[in-house]
Amino acid sequence: MEFECRGTPQGTLHFNRFEKQKFIEFLKENPGVRLKITPELPESGRLRRYFEGAIVPLIAFYQQGMDHHSSEDRRRIREWLKEEFNGEMIDIGGKIHTVPKSTKGRAVLTPFVERVLDWMNENYAPPSEALDPERFKYWRDTVFPHGGPDNFIDYNVETGILRV
């Protein structure tokens, strides 16, 4: 069971009317139950842009038969990564299926990206410059706006970091 609330400056929890009633009923039905409260932190927009602009296209670049320019190929890679590195096993009719979970929120996105990077380094050993967040930021803020390559992978090919 999950309940939504906000912390107040006074150090208390604030529930909306419906959530408060649901929480009270839960506590009455489950006296002495241990609770775990975890914050819902906003995800880092920079990490999301880095994941979508550098990591996913680089995997598509390395995959045979995929094109890092294709939004459909990048979407397929993204969904596969979510299933593989952030999936949940469920039993449907006696058969186990893996269902991708959401990667929204900093608490989920950061470890997800770390697992993907570990896998990527093990399997492809890309040049470190191809995954350098500072290089990605430089391309995004300096090169791209002034008529440079329209994606980070092409920038890395153009600068000799990646070879076609």
N, C-alpha and C. Protein backbone atom coordinates (compact mmCIF):
# COMPACT_ATOMS: atom_id res chain seq x y z
N MET A 1 0.84 -1.17 0.00
CA MET A 1 0.00 0.00 0.00
C MET A 1 0.89 1.24 0.00
N GLU A 2 0.47 2.26 -0.66
CA GLU A 2 1.25 3.48 -0.80
C GLU A 2 0.38 4.68 -0.45
N PHE A 3 0.97 5.65 0.26
CA PHE A 3 0.25 6.85 0.65
C PHE A 3 1.05 8.06 0.21
N GLU A 4 0.36 9.10 -0.22
CA GLU A 4 1.04 10.32 -0.65
C GLU A 4 0.80 11.42 0.36
N CYS A 5 1.90 12.08 0.73
CA CYS A 5 1.81 13.20 1.66
C CYS A 5 3.00 14.11 1.43
N ARG A 6 3.01 15.24 2.11
CA ARG A 6 4.12 16.19 2.02
C ARG A 6 4.59 16.52 3.43
N GLY A 7 5.89 16.75 3.54
CA GLY A 7 6.44 17.21 4.81
C GLY A 7 6.17 18.70 4.95
N THR A 8 5.96 19.14 6.17
CA THR A 8 5.71 20.56 6.43
C THR A 8 6.94 21.15 7.11
N PRO A 9 7.08 22.48 7.09
CA PRO A 9 8.21 23.11 7.80
C PRO A 9 8.20 22.84 9.30
N GLN A 10 7.04 22.49 9.87
CA GLN A 10 6.94 22.22 11.30
C GLN A 10 7.38 20.79 11.64
N GLY A 11 7.73 20.00 10.63
CA GLY A 11 8.18 18.63 10.87
C GLY A 11 7.06 17.63 10.97
N THR A 12 5.90 17.94 10.38
CA THR A 12 4.78 17.01 10.39
C THR A 12 4.49 16.59 8.95
N LEU A 13 3.56 15.66 8.81
CA LEU A 13 3.14 15.21 7.48
C LEU A 13 1.78 15.81 7.15
N HIS A 14 1.60 16.24 5.92
CA HIS A 14 0.32 16.78 5.48
C HIS A 14 -0.25 15.86 4.39
N PHE A 15 -1.44 15.29 4.67
CA PHE A 15 -2.16 14.45 3.72
C PHE A 15 -3.35 15.23 3.19
N ASN A 16 -3.77 14.94 1.94
CA ASN A 16 -5.07 15.47 1.55
C ASN A 16 -6.13 14.66 2.29
N ARG A 17 -7.37 15.11 2.26
CA ARG A 17 -8.43 14.49 3.07
C ARG A 17 -8.59 13.00 2.76
N PHE A 18 -8.59 12.64 1.51
CA PHE A 18 -8.77 11.24 1.12
C PHE A 18 -7.59 10.39 1.59
N GLU A 19 -6.35 10.85 1.33
CA GLU A 19 -5.16 10.10 1.73
C GLU A 19 -5.08 9.95 3.25
N LYS A 20 -5.47 10.99 3.97
CA LYS A 20 -5.42 10.94 5.43
C LYS A 20 -6.36 9.86 5.95
N GLN A 21 -7.57 9.81 5.41
CA GLN A 21 -8.54 8.80 5.84
C GLN A 21 -8.04 7.39 5.50
N LYS A 22 -7.48 7.24 4.32
CA LYS A 22 -6.94 5.95 3.89
C LYS A 22 -5.80 5.51 4.81
N PHE A 23 -4.94 6.45 5.19
CA PHE A 23 -3.81 6.16 6.06
C PHE A 23 -4.28 5.77 7.46
N ILE A 24 -5.25 6.49 7.99
CA ILE A 24 -5.79 6.19 9.32
C ILE A 24 -6.41 4.79 9.34
N GLU A 25 -7.19 4.48 8.31
CA GLU A 25 -7.81 3.14 8.22
C GLU A 25 -6.74 2.05 8.16
N PHE A 26 -5.69 2.29 7.39
CA PHE A 26 -4.60 1.32 7.27
C PHE A 26 -3.96 1.09 8.64
N LEU A 27 -3.69 2.17 9.38
CA LEU A 27 -3.07 2.04 10.70
C LEU A 27 -3.98 1.30 11.68
N LYS A 28 -5.30 1.53 11.60
CA LYS A 28 -6.23 0.82 12.49
C LYS A 28 -6.24 -0.67 12.18
N GLU A 29 -6.17 -1.02 10.88
CA GLU A 29 -6.20 -2.42 10.47
C GLU A 29 -4.86 -3.11 10.68
N ASN A 30 -3.79 -2.34 10.81
CA ASN A 30 -2.44 -2.90 10.94
C ASN A 30 -1.69 -2.23 12.09
N PRO A 31 -2.16 -2.43 13.34
CA PRO A 31 -1.50 -1.77 14.46
C PRO A 31 -0.05 -2.27 14.61
N GLY A 32 0.84 -1.34 14.89
CA GLY A 32 2.24 -1.70 15.11
C GLY A 32 3.03 -2.00 13.85
N VAL A 33 2.44 -1.78 12.68
CA VAL A 33 3.13 -2.08 11.43
C VAL A 33 4.32 -1.14 11.24
N ARG A 34 5.41 -1.67 10.71
CA ARG A 34 6.57 -0.82 10.40
C ARG A 34 6.31 -0.13 9.08
N LEU A 35 6.67 1.14 9.00
CA LEU A 35 6.50 1.93 7.79
C LEU A 35 7.84 2.41 7.29
N LYS A 36 7.96 2.55 6.00
CA LYS A 36 9.17 3.08 5.39
C LYS A 36 8.74 4.31 4.58
N ILE A 37 9.29 5.45 4.91
CA ILE A 37 8.96 6.69 4.21
C ILE A 37 10.14 7.06 3.33
N THR A 38 9.90 7.20 2.03
CA THR A 38 10.97 7.56 1.11
C THR A 38 10.58 8.83 0.36
N PRO A 39 11.54 9.73 0.16
CA PRO A 39 11.21 10.98 -0.54
C PRO A 39 11.07 10.77 -2.04
N GLU A 40 10.20 11.53 -2.65
CA GLU A 40 10.07 11.56 -4.10
C GLU A 40 10.80 12.80 -4.59
N LEU A 41 12.07 12.62 -4.92
CA LEU A 41 12.87 13.74 -5.36
C LEU A 41 12.68 13.97 -6.85
N PRO A 42 12.68 15.21 -7.30
CA PRO A 42 12.59 15.44 -8.74
C PRO A 42 13.84 14.91 -9.42
N GLU A 43 13.66 14.36 -10.61
CA GLU A 43 14.83 13.83 -11.30
C GLU A 43 15.69 14.96 -11.83
N SER A 44 16.92 14.62 -12.05
CA SER A 44 17.85 15.60 -12.60
C SER A 44 17.60 15.71 -14.10
N GLY A 45 17.21 16.89 -14.54
CA GLY A 45 16.99 17.10 -15.97
C GLY A 45 18.26 16.88 -16.77
N ARG A 46 19.40 17.23 -16.17
CA ARG A 46 20.68 17.04 -16.87
C ARG A 46 20.97 15.57 -17.08
N LEU A 47 20.70 14.74 -16.06
CA LEU A 47 20.94 13.31 -16.19
C LEU A 47 20.01 12.71 -17.24
N ARG A 48 18.75 13.13 -17.25
CA ARG A 48 17.79 12.63 -18.24
C ARG A 48 18.25 13.01 -19.66
N ARG A 49 18.69 14.25 -19.85
CA ARG A 49 19.16 14.68 -21.18
C ARG A 49 20.41 13.90 -21.60
N TYR A 50 21.31 13.66 -20.66
CA TYR A 50 22.52 12.89 -20.93
C TYR A 50 22.16 11.46 -21.33
N PHE A 51 21.23 10.86 -20.59
CA PHE A 51 20.80 9.50 -20.90
C PHE A 51 20.19 9.42 -22.30
N GLU A 52 19.27 10.35 -22.58
CA GLU A 52 18.57 10.34 -23.87
C GLU A 52 19.45 10.80 -25.03
N GLY A 53 20.40 11.70 -24.76
CA GLY A 53 21.20 12.28 -25.83
C GLY A 53 22.54 11.63 -26.07
N ALA A 54 23.07 10.89 -25.08
CA ALA A 54 24.39 10.28 -25.24
C ALA A 54 24.35 8.76 -25.11
N ILE A 55 23.72 8.26 -24.05
CA ILE A 55 23.78 6.82 -23.78
C ILE A 55 22.92 6.01 -24.74
N VAL A 56 21.64 6.36 -24.85
CA VAL A 56 20.74 5.59 -25.72
C VAL A 56 21.23 5.63 -27.18
N PRO A 57 21.59 6.79 -27.73
CA PRO A 57 22.08 6.81 -29.12
C PRO A 57 23.39 6.02 -29.29
N LEU A 58 24.26 6.04 -28.28
CA LEU A 58 25.51 5.29 -28.41
C LEU A 58 25.25 3.79 -28.46
N ILE A 59 24.30 3.32 -27.68
CA ILE A 59 23.94 1.89 -27.75
C ILE A 59 23.38 1.57 -29.13
N ALA A 60 22.52 2.44 -29.65
CA ALA A 60 21.98 2.23 -31.01
C ALA A 60 23.11 2.25 -32.04
N PHE A 61 24.09 3.11 -31.85
CA PHE A 61 25.25 3.19 -32.76
C PHE A 61 26.00 1.87 -32.79
N TYR A 62 26.17 1.24 -31.63
CA TYR A 62 26.90 -0.02 -31.55
C TYR A 62 26.08 -1.23 -31.99
N GLN A 63 24.77 -1.15 -31.94
CA GLN A 63 23.93 -2.30 -32.27
C GLN A 63 23.84 -2.50 -33.78
N GLN A 64 24.14 -3.69 -34.21
CA GLN A 64 24.03 -4.04 -35.63
C GLN A 64 22.58 -3.90 -36.08
N GLY A 65 22.36 -3.25 -37.18
CA GLY A 65 21.03 -3.11 -37.75
C GLY A 65 20.22 -1.97 -37.16
N MET A 66 20.81 -1.19 -36.29
CA MET A 66 20.10 -0.05 -35.71
C MET A 66 20.81 1.23 -36.10
N ASP A 67 20.04 2.30 -36.15
CA ASP A 67 20.56 3.60 -36.55
C ASP A 67 20.32 4.59 -35.43
N HIS A 68 21.38 5.24 -34.96
CA HIS A 68 21.23 6.19 -33.85
C HIS A 68 20.43 7.42 -34.26
N HIS A 69 20.23 7.62 -35.57
CA HIS A 69 19.41 8.75 -36.04
C HIS A 69 17.91 8.44 -35.95
N SER A 70 17.56 7.15 -35.90
CA SER A 70 16.16 6.72 -35.94
C SER A 70 15.52 6.83 -34.56
N SER A 71 14.47 7.64 -34.47
CA SER A 71 13.77 7.78 -33.18
C SER A 71 13.13 6.45 -32.78
N GLU A 72 12.70 5.67 -33.75
CA GLU A 72 12.09 4.37 -33.44
C GLU A 72 13.14 3.41 -32.86
N ASP A 73 14.34 3.38 -33.43
CA ASP A 73 15.41 2.53 -32.89
C ASP A 73 15.79 2.98 -31.48
N ARG A 74 15.89 4.28 -31.26
CA ARG A 74 16.22 4.79 -29.93
C ARG A 74 15.11 4.44 -28.93
N ARG A 75 13.86 4.52 -29.35
CA ARG A 75 12.74 4.16 -28.48
C ARG A 75 12.83 2.68 -28.09
N ARG A 76 13.12 1.83 -29.08
CA ARG A 76 13.23 0.39 -28.81
C ARG A 76 14.37 0.11 -27.84
N ILE A 77 15.51 0.79 -28.02
CA ILE A 77 16.64 0.63 -27.10
C ILE A 77 16.23 1.06 -25.69
N ARG A 78 15.59 2.20 -25.59
CA ARG A 78 15.16 2.74 -24.29
C ARG A 78 14.24 1.75 -23.57
N GLU A 79 13.26 1.20 -24.30
CA GLU A 79 12.33 0.25 -23.68
C GLU A 79 13.04 -1.03 -23.27
N TRP A 80 13.97 -1.49 -24.10
CA TRP A 80 14.73 -2.69 -23.74
C TRP A 80 15.56 -2.43 -22.48
N LEU A 81 16.22 -1.27 -22.40
CA LEU A 81 17.02 -0.93 -21.23
C LEU A 81 16.15 -0.89 -19.97
N LYS A 82 14.97 -0.30 -20.07
CA LYS A 82 14.07 -0.24 -18.91
C LYS A 82 13.67 -1.65 -18.48
N GLU A 83 13.40 -2.51 -19.43
CA GLU A 83 13.00 -3.88 -19.10
C GLU A 83 14.18 -4.65 -18.49
N GLU A 84 15.34 -4.51 -19.09
CA GLU A 84 16.52 -5.26 -18.66
C GLU A 84 17.09 -4.76 -17.33
N PHE A 85 17.15 -3.45 -17.15
CA PHE A 85 17.84 -2.89 -15.99
C PHE A 85 16.91 -2.25 -14.95
N ASN A 86 15.62 -2.22 -15.24
CA ASN A 86 14.67 -1.68 -14.27
C ASN A 86 13.34 -2.41 -14.42
N GLY A 87 13.43 -3.71 -14.64
CA GLY A 87 12.22 -4.51 -14.87
C GLY A 87 11.74 -5.21 -13.61
N GLU A 88 10.51 -5.63 -13.67
CA GLU A 88 9.88 -6.35 -12.57
C GLU A 88 9.33 -7.65 -13.13
N MET A 89 9.63 -8.75 -12.47
CA MET A 89 9.14 -10.05 -12.91
C MET A 89 7.75 -10.27 -12.33
N ILE A 90 6.80 -10.60 -13.22
CA ILE A 90 5.45 -10.89 -12.76
C ILE A 90 5.00 -12.23 -13.35
N ASP A 91 4.11 -12.90 -12.64
CA ASP A 91 3.60 -14.20 -13.05
C ASP A 91 2.19 -13.99 -13.61
N ILE A 92 2.03 -14.30 -14.89
CA ILE A 92 0.72 -14.21 -15.52
C ILE A 92 0.38 -15.59 -16.06
N GLY A 93 -0.60 -16.19 -15.46
CA GLY A 93 -1.04 -17.51 -15.90
C GLY A 93 0.04 -18.56 -15.83
N GLY A 94 0.89 -18.49 -14.83
CA GLY A 94 1.95 -19.47 -14.67
C GLY A 94 3.19 -19.20 -15.50
N LYS A 95 3.18 -18.14 -16.26
CA LYS A 95 4.34 -17.80 -17.08
C LYS A 95 4.95 -16.49 -16.56
N ILE A 96 6.26 -16.48 -16.40
CA ILE A 96 6.96 -15.30 -15.87
C ILE A 96 7.24 -14.32 -17.01
N HIS A 97 6.87 -13.07 -16.78
CA HIS A 97 7.11 -11.99 -17.75
C HIS A 97 7.89 -10.89 -17.05
N THR A 98 8.74 -10.21 -17.80
CA THR A 98 9.45 -9.04 -17.27
C THR A 98 8.77 -7.80 -17.81
N VAL A 99 8.38 -6.93 -16.90
CA VAL A 99 7.67 -5.71 -17.26
C VAL A 99 8.56 -4.52 -16.88
N PRO A 100 8.81 -3.61 -17.83
CA PRO A 100 9.64 -2.45 -17.49
C PRO A 100 8.92 -1.51 -16.53
N LYS A 101 9.67 -1.03 -15.54
CA LYS A 101 9.12 -0.05 -14.61
C LYS A 101 9.57 1.34 -15.03
N SER A 102 8.96 2.33 -14.48
CA SER A 102 9.28 3.71 -14.79
C SER A 102 10.68 4.08 -14.30
N THR A 103 11.34 4.98 -15.00
CA THR A 103 12.64 5.50 -14.57
C THR A 103 12.52 6.95 -14.11
N LYS A 104 11.31 7.38 -13.82
CA LYS A 104 11.11 8.76 -13.37
C LYS A 104 11.57 8.92 -11.93
N GLY A 105 12.13 10.07 -11.66
CA GLY A 105 12.60 10.39 -10.31
C GLY A 105 14.08 10.11 -10.14
N ARG A 106 14.74 11.01 -9.46
CA ARG A 106 16.19 10.92 -9.27
C ARG A 106 16.58 9.63 -8.56
N ALA A 107 15.80 9.19 -7.57
CA ALA A 107 16.13 7.99 -6.81
C ALA A 107 16.12 6.74 -7.67
N VAL A 108 15.39 6.74 -8.77
CA VAL A 108 15.32 5.60 -9.68
C VAL A 108 16.26 5.81 -10.86
N LEU A 109 16.28 7.00 -11.43
CA LEU A 109 17.05 7.28 -12.64
C LEU A 109 18.54 7.11 -12.43
N THR A 110 19.08 7.63 -11.34
CA THR A 110 20.53 7.58 -11.12
C THR A 110 21.06 6.14 -11.07
N PRO A 111 20.51 5.25 -10.23
CA PRO A 111 21.04 3.88 -10.23
C PRO A 111 20.77 3.15 -11.54
N PHE A 112 19.66 3.47 -12.20
CA PHE A 112 19.35 2.87 -13.50
C PHE A 112 20.45 3.23 -14.51
N VAL A 113 20.79 4.50 -14.61
CA VAL A 113 21.83 4.95 -15.55
C VAL A 113 23.17 4.31 -15.18
N GLU A 114 23.47 4.19 -13.91
CA GLU A 114 24.73 3.55 -13.49
C GLU A 114 24.79 2.09 -13.93
N ARG A 115 23.67 1.36 -13.80
CA ARG A 115 23.63 -0.04 -14.24
C ARG A 115 23.81 -0.14 -15.74
N VAL A 116 23.17 0.76 -16.49
CA VAL A 116 23.30 0.75 -17.95
C VAL A 116 24.75 1.05 -18.34
N LEU A 117 25.37 2.03 -17.71
CA LEU A 117 26.76 2.37 -18.03
C LEU A 117 27.70 1.21 -17.72
N ASP A 118 27.48 0.52 -16.60
CA ASP A 118 28.31 -0.64 -16.26
C ASP A 118 28.20 -1.70 -17.35
N TRP A 119 26.96 -1.99 -17.75
CA TRP A 119 26.73 -2.99 -18.81
C TRP A 119 27.39 -2.56 -20.12
N MET A 120 27.23 -1.29 -20.45
CA MET A 120 27.77 -0.77 -21.70
C MET A 120 29.29 -0.86 -21.73
N ASN A 121 29.93 -0.51 -20.62
CA ASN A 121 31.39 -0.59 -20.56
C ASN A 121 31.89 -2.03 -20.66
N GLU A 122 31.16 -2.96 -20.04
CA GLU A 122 31.53 -4.38 -20.12
C GLU A 122 31.40 -4.92 -21.53
N ASN A 123 30.33 -4.53 -22.23
CA ASN A 123 30.03 -5.13 -23.53
C ASN A 123 30.65 -4.42 -24.72
N TYR A 124 30.82 -3.12 -24.65
CA TYR A 124 31.31 -2.37 -25.81
C TYR A 124 32.64 -1.66 -25.57
N ALA A 125 32.98 -1.43 -24.32
CA ALA A 125 34.19 -0.69 -23.96
C ALA A 125 34.34 0.55 -24.84
N PRO A 126 33.35 1.45 -24.83
CA PRO A 126 33.45 2.65 -25.66
C PRO A 126 34.57 3.56 -25.15
N PRO A 127 35.11 4.41 -26.01
CA PRO A 127 36.11 5.37 -25.53
C PRO A 127 35.48 6.24 -24.44
N SER A 128 36.24 6.55 -23.42
CA SER A 128 35.70 7.31 -22.30
C SER A 128 35.16 8.67 -22.74
N GLU A 129 35.75 9.25 -23.78
CA GLU A 129 35.29 10.55 -24.27
C GLU A 129 33.87 10.47 -24.84
N ALA A 130 33.50 9.29 -25.36
CA ALA A 130 32.16 9.12 -25.95
C ALA A 130 31.07 9.16 -24.89
N LEU A 131 31.44 8.95 -23.63
CA LEU A 131 30.47 8.96 -22.54
C LEU A 131 30.75 10.06 -21.52
N ASP A 132 31.65 10.95 -21.83
CA ASP A 132 32.02 12.02 -20.91
C ASP A 132 30.90 13.05 -20.82
N PRO A 133 30.27 13.19 -19.64
CA PRO A 133 29.17 14.15 -19.50
C PRO A 133 29.60 15.59 -19.79
N GLU A 134 30.84 15.93 -19.48
CA GLU A 134 31.31 17.29 -19.76
C GLU A 134 31.43 17.53 -21.27
N ARG A 135 31.88 16.52 -22.01
CA ARG A 135 31.93 16.63 -23.47
C ARG A 135 30.53 16.76 -24.04
N PHE A 136 29.59 15.98 -23.47
CA PHE A 136 28.21 16.05 -23.92
C PHE A 136 27.66 17.47 -23.68
N LYS A 137 27.93 18.01 -22.50
CA LYS A 137 27.48 19.35 -22.17
C LYS A 137 28.10 20.38 -23.12
N TYR A 138 29.40 20.22 -23.42
CA TYR A 138 30.08 21.13 -24.35
C TYR A 138 29.40 21.08 -25.73
N TRP A 139 29.14 19.85 -26.21
CA TRP A 139 28.48 19.71 -27.52
C TRP A 139 27.10 20.38 -27.47
N ARG A 140 26.33 20.07 -26.44
CA ARG A 140 24.95 20.58 -26.33
C ARG A 140 24.90 22.10 -26.24
N ASP A 141 25.81 22.70 -25.45
CA ASP A 141 25.75 24.13 -25.20
C ASP A 141 26.55 24.98 -26.18
N THR A 142 27.61 24.42 -26.78
CA THR A 142 28.51 25.22 -27.61
C THR A 142 28.50 24.82 -29.08
N VAL A 143 28.59 23.53 -29.35
CA VAL A 143 28.72 23.07 -30.75
C VAL A 143 27.37 23.03 -31.46
N PHE A 144 26.41 22.35 -30.88
CA PHE A 144 25.11 22.17 -31.53
C PHE A 144 24.39 23.48 -31.86
N PRO A 145 24.31 24.44 -30.94
CA PRO A 145 23.57 25.67 -31.25
C PRO A 145 24.17 26.50 -32.38
N HIS A 146 25.44 26.26 -32.69
CA HIS A 146 26.11 27.07 -33.71
C HIS A 146 26.36 26.30 -34.99
N GLY A 147 25.46 25.37 -35.29
CA GLY A 147 25.51 24.67 -36.58
C GLY A 147 26.36 23.42 -36.61
N GLY A 148 26.78 22.93 -35.45
CA GLY A 148 27.55 21.68 -35.41
C GLY A 148 26.65 20.48 -35.65
N PRO A 149 27.20 19.28 -35.54
CA PRO A 149 26.40 18.06 -35.74
C PRO A 149 25.15 18.08 -34.86
N ASP A 150 24.06 17.53 -35.40
CA ASP A 150 22.78 17.62 -34.67
C ASP A 150 22.60 16.55 -33.61
N ASN A 151 23.60 15.67 -33.42
CA ASN A 151 23.54 14.73 -32.31
C ASN A 151 24.95 14.44 -31.81
N PHE A 152 25.04 14.00 -30.57
CA PHE A 152 26.32 13.79 -29.90
C PHE A 152 27.13 12.69 -30.57
N ILE A 153 26.49 11.68 -31.09
CA ILE A 153 27.21 10.57 -31.74
C ILE A 153 27.91 11.08 -32.99
N ASP A 154 27.20 11.84 -33.83
CA ASP A 154 27.84 12.39 -35.04
C ASP A 154 28.98 13.33 -34.68
N TYR A 155 28.84 14.06 -33.58
CA TYR A 155 29.93 14.93 -33.10
C TYR A 155 31.15 14.08 -32.75
N ASN A 156 30.94 12.96 -32.08
CA ASN A 156 32.04 12.08 -31.72
C ASN A 156 32.67 11.42 -32.94
N VAL A 157 31.87 11.12 -33.95
CA VAL A 157 32.41 10.57 -35.20
C VAL A 157 33.24 11.65 -35.90
N GLU A 158 32.68 12.85 -35.96
CA GLU A 158 33.36 13.96 -36.63
C GLU A 158 34.69 14.30 -35.97
N THR A 159 34.76 14.20 -34.66
CA THR A 159 36.00 14.52 -33.94
C THR A 159 36.94 13.33 -33.81
N GLY A 160 36.56 12.17 -34.36
CA GLY A 160 37.43 11.00 -34.36
C GLY A 160 37.36 10.14 -33.11
N ILE A 161 36.47 10.44 -32.20
CA ILE A 161 36.33 9.63 -30.98
C ILE A 161 35.71 8.28 -31.31
N LEU A 162 34.70 8.27 -32.17
CA LEU A 162 34.05 7.03 -32.63
C LEU A 162 34.36 6.84 -34.11
N ARG A 163 34.46 5.58 -34.48
CA ARG A 163 34.70 5.25 -35.90
C ARG A 163 33.51 4.49 -36.45
N VAL A 164 33.13 4.83 -37.65
CA VAL A 164 31.98 4.19 -38.29
C VAL A 164 32.36 2.82 -38.79
